Amino acid sequence: MKDKINVIFVCLGNICRSPMAEFLFKKMTKSKGYVISSAATSYEEEGSPLHYGTRRILDRLGIEYSGFSAHRLTKAECDDADYLIGMEQSNLSGIKRICGRENEYKVHRLLDFTDFPHDIADPWYTHDFDTTYREISLGLTAFLKATEGEK
């Protein structure tokens, strides 16, 4: 049993899906028993704030996110993490490329914890942040249930 489970949610740019998962999971767990963050597999949005679609969802839910700035996942973060959770198959490939073979066992796709495993589409392209929110919420609930006994 661990004191804290270190989980990093990862997507391509770290401005839509992964920070949405980060802040929703922090609210769900009140961070008790978890160290929670998010990151990108690319440098494309390095230093950018949250996408307005993600901000809209979090604002509607009254979830605080001030001070957020997108960043790319580092090897050191991979080494320290217990779980590296991607949103879609291409994220998993990017995570594995950054993290190395020794961390592959930590890499999972969020909706693989559910009964309906599939990719969470990037709302940057779909513009459907409500569907993204519903799918991330479903995945986070399943992930929480799967990890509750580890701490």
Protein backbone atom coordinates (compact mmCIF):
# COMPACT_ATOMS: atom_id res chain seq x y z
CA MET A 1 0.00 0.00 0.00
CA LYS A 2 1.21 3.49 -0.86
CA ASP A 3 0.62 6.79 0.89
CA LYS A 4 -0.09 8.50 -2.43
CA ILE A 5 -0.67 7.33 -5.98
CA ASN A 6 1.03 9.61 -8.51
CA VAL A 7 -1.09 9.89 -11.67
CA ILE A 8 -0.40 12.02 -14.74
CA PHE A 9 -3.11 12.54 -17.35
CA VAL A 10 -1.68 13.03 -20.83
CA CYS A 11 -2.95 14.27 -24.20
CA LEU A 12 -1.37 15.89 -27.25
CA GLY A 13 -1.24 19.55 -26.20
CA ASN A 14 -2.20 19.60 -22.49
CA ILE A 15 -4.83 22.31 -22.97
CA CYS A 16 -8.08 20.33 -23.40
CA ARG A 17 -8.49 16.71 -22.29
CA SER A 18 -5.62 16.03 -19.89
CA PRO A 19 -6.10 19.18 -17.77
CA MET A 20 -9.86 18.55 -17.76
CA ALA A 21 -9.10 15.09 -16.33
CA GLU A 22 -6.58 16.55 -13.88
CA PHE A 23 -8.93 19.11 -12.39
CA LEU A 24 -12.00 16.84 -12.40
CA PHE A 25 -10.03 14.10 -10.64
CA LYS A 26 -8.69 16.55 -8.07
CA LYS A 27 -12.27 17.55 -7.29
CA MET A 28 -13.47 13.93 -7.18
CA THR A 29 -10.73 12.83 -4.80
CA LYS A 30 -9.94 16.12 -3.09
CA SER A 31 -6.41 14.83 -3.90
CA LYS A 32 -6.59 12.52 -0.86
CA GLY A 33 -4.33 9.60 -1.61
CA TYR A 34 -3.33 10.98 -5.02
CA VAL A 35 -0.75 13.28 -6.53
CA ILE A 36 -2.46 14.50 -9.71
CA SER A 37 -1.10 16.40 -12.70
CA SER A 38 -1.30 16.54 -16.48
CA ALA A 39 1.07 16.92 -19.40
CA ALA A 40 1.40 16.84 -23.19
CA THR A 41 3.23 14.57 -25.60
CA SER A 42 4.15 17.55 -27.79
CA TYR A 43 5.65 20.99 -27.35
CA GLU A 44 2.92 22.63 -29.49
CA GLU A 45 1.09 24.35 -26.63
CA GLU A 46 3.98 24.70 -24.15
CA GLY A 47 3.12 27.56 -21.78
CA SER A 48 -0.44 27.97 -23.08
CA PRO A 49 -3.47 28.39 -20.79
CA LEU A 50 -6.44 26.03 -20.83
CA HIS A 51 -8.50 25.94 -24.02
CA TYR A 52 -11.66 28.04 -23.64
CA GLY A 53 -13.83 24.91 -24.03
CA THR A 54 -12.18 23.25 -21.04
CA ARG A 55 -12.36 26.50 -19.05
CA ARG A 56 -16.10 26.69 -19.82
CA ILE A 57 -16.69 23.19 -18.43
CA LEU A 58 -14.60 23.77 -15.30
CA ASP A 59 -16.18 27.20 -14.69
CA ARG A 60 -19.64 25.67 -14.97
CA LEU A 61 -18.66 23.10 -12.33
CA GLY A 62 -17.00 25.68 -10.06
CA ILE A 63 -13.60 23.98 -10.34
CA GLU A 64 -10.50 26.12 -9.75
CA TYR A 65 -7.68 25.95 -12.31
CA SER A 66 -5.81 29.26 -11.91
CA GLY A 67 -2.11 29.22 -12.62
CA PHE A 68 -2.36 26.38 -15.12
CA SER A 69 0.19 26.33 -17.93
CA ALA A 70 0.58 23.53 -20.48
CA HIS A 71 3.82 21.58 -20.48
CA ARG A 72 5.35 18.55 -22.16
CA LEU A 73 5.79 15.34 -20.20
CA THR A 74 9.33 14.70 -19.00
CA LYS A 75 11.22 11.46 -18.43
CA ALA A 76 11.61 12.40 -14.75
CA GLU A 77 7.83 12.72 -14.39
CA CYS A 78 7.45 9.28 -16.00
CA ASP A 79 9.90 7.73 -13.58
CA ASP A 80 8.05 9.21 -10.58
CA ALA A 81 4.52 8.36 -11.79
CA ASP A 82 2.51 5.31 -10.82
CA TYR A 83 0.05 5.83 -13.69
CA LEU A 84 0.46 7.62 -17.03
CA ILE A 85 -3.05 7.92 -18.42
CA GLY A 86 -3.52 8.84 -22.09
CA MET A 87 -6.75 9.88 -23.75
CA GLU A 88 -6.29 8.06 -27.05
CA GLN A 89 -4.06 5.45 -28.66
CA SER A 90 -1.73 8.03 -30.25
CA ASN A 91 -1.13 9.53 -26.78
CA LEU A 92 -0.01 6.13 -25.53
CA SER A 93 2.60 5.95 -28.30
CA GLY A 94 3.85 9.43 -27.42
CA ILE A 95 4.01 8.62 -23.71
CA LYS A 96 5.99 5.44 -24.38
CA ARG A 97 8.40 7.33 -26.64
CA ILE A 98 9.09 9.91 -23.88
CA CYS A 99 9.07 7.53 -20.93
CA GLY A 100 11.04 4.57 -22.23
CA ARG A 101 10.43 0.85 -22.04
CA GLU A 102 11.01 0.67 -18.30
CA ASN A 103 7.83 2.72 -17.72
CA GLU A 104 5.54 1.01 -20.26
CA TYR A 105 3.66 -0.91 -17.55
CA LYS A 106 2.43 2.45 -16.16
CA VAL A 107 0.82 3.55 -19.45
CA HIS A 108 -2.95 3.18 -19.83
CA ARG A 109 -5.76 4.70 -21.86
CA LEU A 110 -8.38 6.31 -19.59
CA LEU A 111 -11.44 4.59 -21.02
CA ASP A 112 -9.73 1.18 -20.82
CA PHE A 113 -10.76 1.24 -17.14
CA THR A 114 -14.42 1.24 -18.25
CA ASP A 115 -16.68 -1.38 -19.81
CA PHE A 116 -16.59 0.61 -23.08
CA PRO A 117 -12.90 1.11 -23.94
CA HIS A 118 -12.25 3.58 -26.74
CA ASP A 119 -10.36 6.77 -27.55
CA ILE A 120 -11.58 10.10 -26.23
CA ALA A 121 -11.74 12.31 -29.30
CA ASP A 122 -9.78 15.55 -29.21
CA PRO A 123 -12.26 18.41 -28.73
CA TRP A 124 -9.75 20.76 -30.36
CA TYR A 125 -10.97 19.17 -33.58
CA THR A 126 -14.52 18.05 -32.68
CA HIS A 127 -15.44 21.20 -30.70
CA ASP A 128 -17.59 18.88 -28.56
CA PHE A 129 -16.33 19.55 -25.04
CA ASP A 130 -19.53 18.23 -23.46
CA THR A 131 -18.94 14.74 -24.87
CA THR A 132 -15.30 14.98 -23.80
CA TYR A 133 -16.44 15.89 -20.28
CA ARG A 134 -18.89 12.97 -20.11
CA GLU A 135 -16.31 10.46 -21.34
CA ILE A 136 -13.57 11.74 -19.05
CA SER A 137 -15.96 11.62 -16.08
CA LEU A 138 -16.86 8.03 -16.91
CA GLY A 139 -13.19 7.09 -17.18
CA LEU A 140 -12.22 8.86 -13.96
CA THR A 141 -14.97 7.11 -12.01
CA ALA A 142 -13.75 3.73 -13.27
CA PHE A 143 -10.10 4.63 -12.64
CA LEU A 144 -10.89 5.73 -9.08
CA LYS A 145 -12.69 2.45 -8.43
CA ALA A 146 -9.76 0.48 -9.89
CA THR A 147 -7.15 2.24 -7.73
CA GLU A 148 -8.98 2.66 -4.42
CA GLY A 149 -7.40 -0.43 -2.90
CA GLU A 150 -3.84 0.63 -3.74
CA LYS A 151 -3.53 3.32 -1.08
